[in-house]
């Protein structure tokens, strides 16, 4: 029962990703051919070059530009949710995130939580770490673990209630649960443009942090707890 979990033991997170290069033409010929092969079923009649703006969703062709994390702290009856972000150079992002997990969320009781995290955020972070020769922290190293030993929570998975053919976006779930929408500025499809054309990383960080807060809000609603008031959210 998720209502029995200690909220302070959970690290909520969200990531934002973009294609590894701004333009398809910047890839070497081998990588271009590999992208054409990888994307052929998804892009239908769209050329590999025109479809490349969506390459950020694949860890083999994209990179992480922001990881936002949030965690609960209780002091008596006072509840706060603290949010911070790692952004800039991808290697630094990954190492900073890894150091946080190891130093504060590495015990058996600790869990990572994201929306669609099991299908996207967690494996994406792990794959990018391996690509950059960064040793995986225990919380991301799933080799040899039984399903019940995996320290991951997924709000989309929790919402399925066993209906594994169902996909519910963060935007839809916040709407039906009466949670303020995190998509009041940009959405995921615009991150590539904002990063490469507008060069506005700060805007992406704000968007990523809103998503992280939304994940925590959904988790609270699934537990039957009251959602966070704006005054309870602290950006650090």
Protein backbone atom coordinates (compact mmCIF):
# COMPACT_ATOMS: atom_id res chain seq x y z
CA UNK A 1 0.00 0.00 0.00
CA UNK A 2 1.53 3.32 -1.07
CA UNK A 3 -0.24 5.04 1.84
CA UNK A 4 2.17 3.24 4.17
CA UNK A 5 5.29 4.55 2.43
CA UNK A 6 7.21 7.30 4.15
CA UNK A 7 7.12 10.29 1.80
CA UNK A 8 10.56 11.39 2.98
CA UNK A 9 12.02 8.16 1.54
CA UNK A 10 10.98 8.98 -2.04
CA UNK A 11 12.93 11.01 -4.60
CA UNK A 12 10.56 12.38 -7.24
CA UNK A 13 12.09 13.31 -10.59
CA UNK A 14 11.61 14.29 -14.19
CA UNK A 15 14.04 14.64 -17.09
CA UNK A 16 14.11 16.74 -20.25
CA UNK A 17 15.91 15.49 -23.33
CA UNK A 18 16.84 16.75 -26.81
CA UNK A 19 18.55 15.28 -29.90
CA UNK A 20 22.29 14.91 -29.38
CA UNK A 21 23.01 17.47 -32.12
CA UNK A 22 20.97 20.41 -33.35
CA UNK A 23 20.78 19.20 -36.94
CA UNK A 24 20.64 15.77 -38.54
CA UNK A 25 23.48 16.85 -40.86
CA UNK A 26 25.82 17.14 -37.85
CA UNK A 27 25.69 13.37 -37.30
CA UNK A 28 28.33 11.28 -39.01
CA UNK A 29 27.20 9.07 -41.88
CA UNK A 30 27.07 5.90 -39.78
CA UNK A 31 24.87 7.56 -37.15
CA UNK A 32 22.62 9.01 -39.85
CA UNK A 33 22.10 5.56 -41.30
CA UNK A 34 21.44 4.12 -37.86
CA UNK A 35 18.86 6.84 -37.17
CA UNK A 36 17.15 6.19 -40.47
CA UNK A 37 16.90 2.50 -39.59
CA UNK A 38 15.83 3.07 -35.98
CA UNK A 39 13.06 5.54 -36.82
CA UNK A 40 11.64 4.02 -40.00
CA UNK A 41 8.50 2.57 -38.40
CA UNK A 42 7.67 5.67 -36.36
CA UNK A 43 8.17 8.28 -39.07
CA UNK A 44 6.17 6.59 -41.86
CA UNK A 45 6.49 8.90 -44.90
CA UNK A 46 8.51 11.58 -43.07
CA UNK A 47 12.19 11.73 -43.99
CA UNK A 48 14.77 10.70 -41.40
CA UNK A 49 16.14 14.25 -41.43
CA UNK A 50 12.75 15.89 -40.82
CA UNK A 51 11.93 13.37 -38.09
CA UNK A 52 15.24 13.99 -36.31
CA UNK A 53 13.76 16.74 -34.12
CA UNK A 54 12.09 13.92 -32.17
CA UNK A 55 15.31 11.97 -31.64
CA UNK A 56 15.57 13.12 -28.04
CA UNK A 57 13.21 10.39 -26.86
CA UNK A 58 15.82 7.72 -27.69
CA UNK A 59 18.82 7.55 -25.36
CA UNK A 60 21.02 6.36 -28.24
CA UNK A 61 20.33 9.53 -30.24
CA UNK A 62 19.53 12.09 -27.57
CA UNK A 63 20.92 13.64 -24.42
CA UNK A 64 19.65 14.90 -21.09
CA UNK A 65 19.59 18.67 -20.63
CA UNK A 66 17.87 18.78 -17.24
CA UNK A 67 17.05 16.49 -14.32
CA UNK A 68 14.74 18.01 -11.72
CA UNK A 69 14.24 16.31 -8.38
CA UNK A 70 11.97 16.88 -5.41
CA UNK A 71 11.61 15.42 -1.94
CA UNK A 72 9.43 15.88 1.13
CA UNK A 73 10.57 17.14 4.51
CA UNK A 74 8.46 17.14 7.65
CA UNK A 75 9.16 19.23 10.74
CA UNK A 76 6.38 18.45 13.16
CA UNK A 77 3.15 19.25 11.35
CA UNK A 78 4.91 21.39 8.75
CA UNK A 79 5.23 19.74 5.33
CA UNK A 80 7.53 21.07 2.62
CA UNK A 81 8.48 19.81 -0.82
CA UNK A 82 11.96 20.87 -1.89
CA UNK A 83 12.81 21.06 -5.58
CA UNK A 84 16.16 21.47 -7.29
CA UNK A 85 17.58 20.88 -10.76
CA UNK A 86 20.74 19.73 -12.49
CA UNK A 87 21.38 21.22 -15.92
CA UNK A 88 24.17 22.21 -18.30
CA UNK A 89 26.78 19.70 -19.47
CA UNK A 90 25.25 16.23 -19.59
CA UNK A 91 28.13 14.47 -17.84
CA UNK A 92 27.92 16.96 -14.97
CA UNK A 93 24.12 16.53 -14.82
CA UNK A 94 24.48 12.76 -14.53
CA UNK A 95 27.26 12.89 -11.96
CA UNK A 96 25.46 15.47 -9.82
CA UNK A 97 22.29 13.38 -9.90
CA UNK A 98 24.24 10.23 -9.08
CA UNK A 99 25.95 11.94 -6.13
CA UNK A 100 22.59 13.05 -4.74
CA UNK A 101 21.16 9.54 -5.00
CA UNK A 102 24.22 7.96 -3.38
CA UNK A 103 24.49 10.50 -0.56
CA UNK A 104 20.80 10.85 0.36
CA UNK A 105 18.68 8.13 -1.28
CA UNK A 106 20.79 4.97 -1.31
CA UNK A 107 19.30 2.98 1.57
CA UNK A 108 17.01 0.01 1.03
CA UNK A 109 13.99 2.06 2.10
CA UNK A 110 14.58 4.73 -0.54
CA UNK A 111 12.64 4.84 -3.82
CA UNK A 112 12.73 6.81 -7.06
CA UNK A 113 9.43 8.02 -8.53
CA UNK A 114 8.55 9.47 -11.95
CA UNK A 115 5.62 9.51 -14.37
CA UNK A 116 6.27 6.83 -16.99
CA UNK A 117 9.61 6.52 -15.26
CA UNK A 118 9.92 2.77 -15.77
CA UNK A 119 9.59 3.18 -19.54
CA UNK A 120 11.47 6.45 -19.97
CA UNK A 121 13.22 8.41 -17.20
CA UNK A 122 14.96 5.59 -15.31
CA UNK A 123 16.27 3.61 -18.31
CA UNK A 124 17.19 6.81 -20.16
CA UNK A 125 19.34 8.05 -17.28
CA UNK A 126 20.95 4.62 -16.91
CA UNK A 127 21.72 4.33 -20.63
CA UNK A 128 23.25 7.81 -20.80
CA UNK A 129 25.40 7.02 -17.76
CA UNK A 130 26.71 3.86 -19.42
CA UNK A 131 27.37 5.75 -22.67
CA UNK A 132 29.47 8.25 -20.69
CA UNK A 133 31.27 5.50 -18.71
CA UNK A 134 29.63 6.52 -15.44
CA UNK A 135 29.11 3.63 -13.03
CA UNK A 136 25.43 3.15 -12.28
CA UNK A 137 24.27 3.91 -8.74
CA UNK A 138 22.57 0.99 -7.01
CA UNK A 139 19.11 2.51 -7.48
CA UNK A 140 19.48 2.40 -11.26
CA UNK A 141 21.36 -0.87 -11.59
CA UNK A 142 18.62 -3.42 -12.18
CA UNK A 143 20.82 -6.33 -13.25
CA UNK A 144 19.89 -9.44 -11.29
CA UNK A 145 17.08 -7.77 -9.36
CA UNK A 146 13.71 -9.47 -9.04
CA UNK A 147 10.69 -7.31 -9.99
CA UNK A 148 9.78 -6.68 -6.35
CA UNK A 149 13.35 -5.61 -5.61
CA UNK A 150 13.35 -2.75 -8.14
CA UNK A 151 13.30 0.49 -6.10
CA UNK A 152 11.17 2.43 -8.59
CA UNK A 153 7.68 3.89 -8.41
CA UNK A 154 5.81 5.06 -11.50
CA UNK A 155 2.68 7.21 -11.17
CA UNK A 156 1.49 6.16 -14.62
CA UNK A 157 1.94 2.51 -13.64
CA UNK A 158 0.06 3.08 -10.39
CA UNK A 159 -2.81 4.71 -12.29
CA UNK A 160 -3.14 1.69 -14.61
CA UNK A 161 -4.43 -0.56 -11.80
CA UNK A 162 -3.35 -3.56 -13.86
CA UNK A 163 -4.62 -2.18 -17.19
CA UNK A 164 -1.31 -2.45 -19.03
CA UNK A 165 -2.65 -1.32 -22.39
CA UNK A 166 -3.52 2.08 -20.93
CA UNK A 167 -1.32 5.18 -21.36
CA UNK A 168 -2.25 8.32 -19.45
CA UNK A 169 -0.17 11.47 -19.94
CA UNK A 170 0.93 13.67 -17.05
CA UNK A 171 -1.18 16.50 -18.46
CA UNK A 172 -4.33 14.35 -18.59
CA UNK A 173 -3.82 12.84 -15.16
CA UNK A 174 -3.29 16.20 -13.46
CA UNK A 175 -6.46 17.45 -15.15
CA UNK A 176 -8.72 14.61 -14.02
CA UNK A 177 -7.29 14.69 -10.49
CA UNK A 178 -7.77 18.45 -10.12
CA UNK A 179 -4.06 19.27 -9.93
CA UNK A 180 -2.69 22.50 -11.43
CA UNK A 181 -1.33 21.73 -14.90
CA UNK A 182 2.46 21.77 -15.33
CA UNK A 183 1.98 22.39 -19.08
CA UNK A 184 1.03 26.06 -18.83
CA UNK A 185 4.03 27.28 -20.83
CA UNK A 186 5.71 24.69 -23.05
CA UNK A 187 5.32 20.95 -23.49
CA UNK A 188 7.78 18.17 -24.26
CA UNK A 189 7.52 18.63 -28.02
CA UNK A 190 8.87 22.18 -27.71
CA UNK A 191 11.93 21.46 -25.55
CA UNK A 192 14.18 20.86 -28.57
CA UNK A 193 13.29 24.25 -30.08
CA UNK A 194 13.64 26.10 -26.78
CA UNK A 195 17.05 24.49 -26.21
CA UNK A 196 18.64 24.78 -29.63
CA UNK A 197 16.89 27.81 -31.16
CA UNK A 198 16.01 29.96 -28.16
CA UNK A 199 18.99 28.82 -26.05
CA UNK A 200 16.71 29.20 -23.03
CA UNK A 201 17.74 26.50 -20.57
CA UNK A 202 16.17 28.37 -17.68
CA UNK A 203 12.75 27.99 -19.29
CA UNK A 204 13.31 24.25 -19.63
CA UNK A 205 14.37 24.01 -15.97
CA UNK A 206 11.16 25.73 -14.86
CA UNK A 207 9.13 23.36 -17.02
CA UNK A 208 10.99 20.30 -15.70
CA UNK A 209 10.51 21.37 -12.08
CA UNK A 210 6.77 21.85 -12.68
CA UNK A 211 6.57 18.28 -13.98
CA UNK A 212 8.42 17.00 -10.91
CA UNK A 213 6.01 18.81 -8.63
CA UNK A 214 3.09 17.39 -10.63
CA UNK A 215 4.41 13.84 -10.13
CA UNK A 216 4.50 14.42 -6.36
CA UNK A 217 1.00 15.89 -6.44
CA UNK A 218 -0.34 12.85 -8.30
CA UNK A 219 1.32 10.55 -5.79
CA UNK A 220 -0.32 12.44 -2.94
CA UNK A 221 -3.75 12.13 -4.60
CA UNK A 222 -3.22 8.38 -5.14
CA UNK A 223 -2.50 8.07 -1.41
CA UNK A 224 -5.58 10.09 -0.47
CA UNK A 225 -3.47 12.95 0.92
CA UNK A 226 -4.08 16.64 0.35
CA UNK A 227 -2.06 18.13 -2.51
CA UNK A 228 0.69 20.65 -1.94
CA UNK A 229 -0.14 24.28 -1.47
CA UNK A 230 2.12 26.74 -3.27
CA UNK A 231 3.54 27.86 0.10
CA UNK A 232 4.75 24.32 0.82
CA UNK A 233 6.95 24.16 -2.32
CA UNK A 234 10.53 25.38 -1.88
CA UNK A 235 12.93 25.84 -4.81
CA UNK A 236 16.51 25.35 -3.67
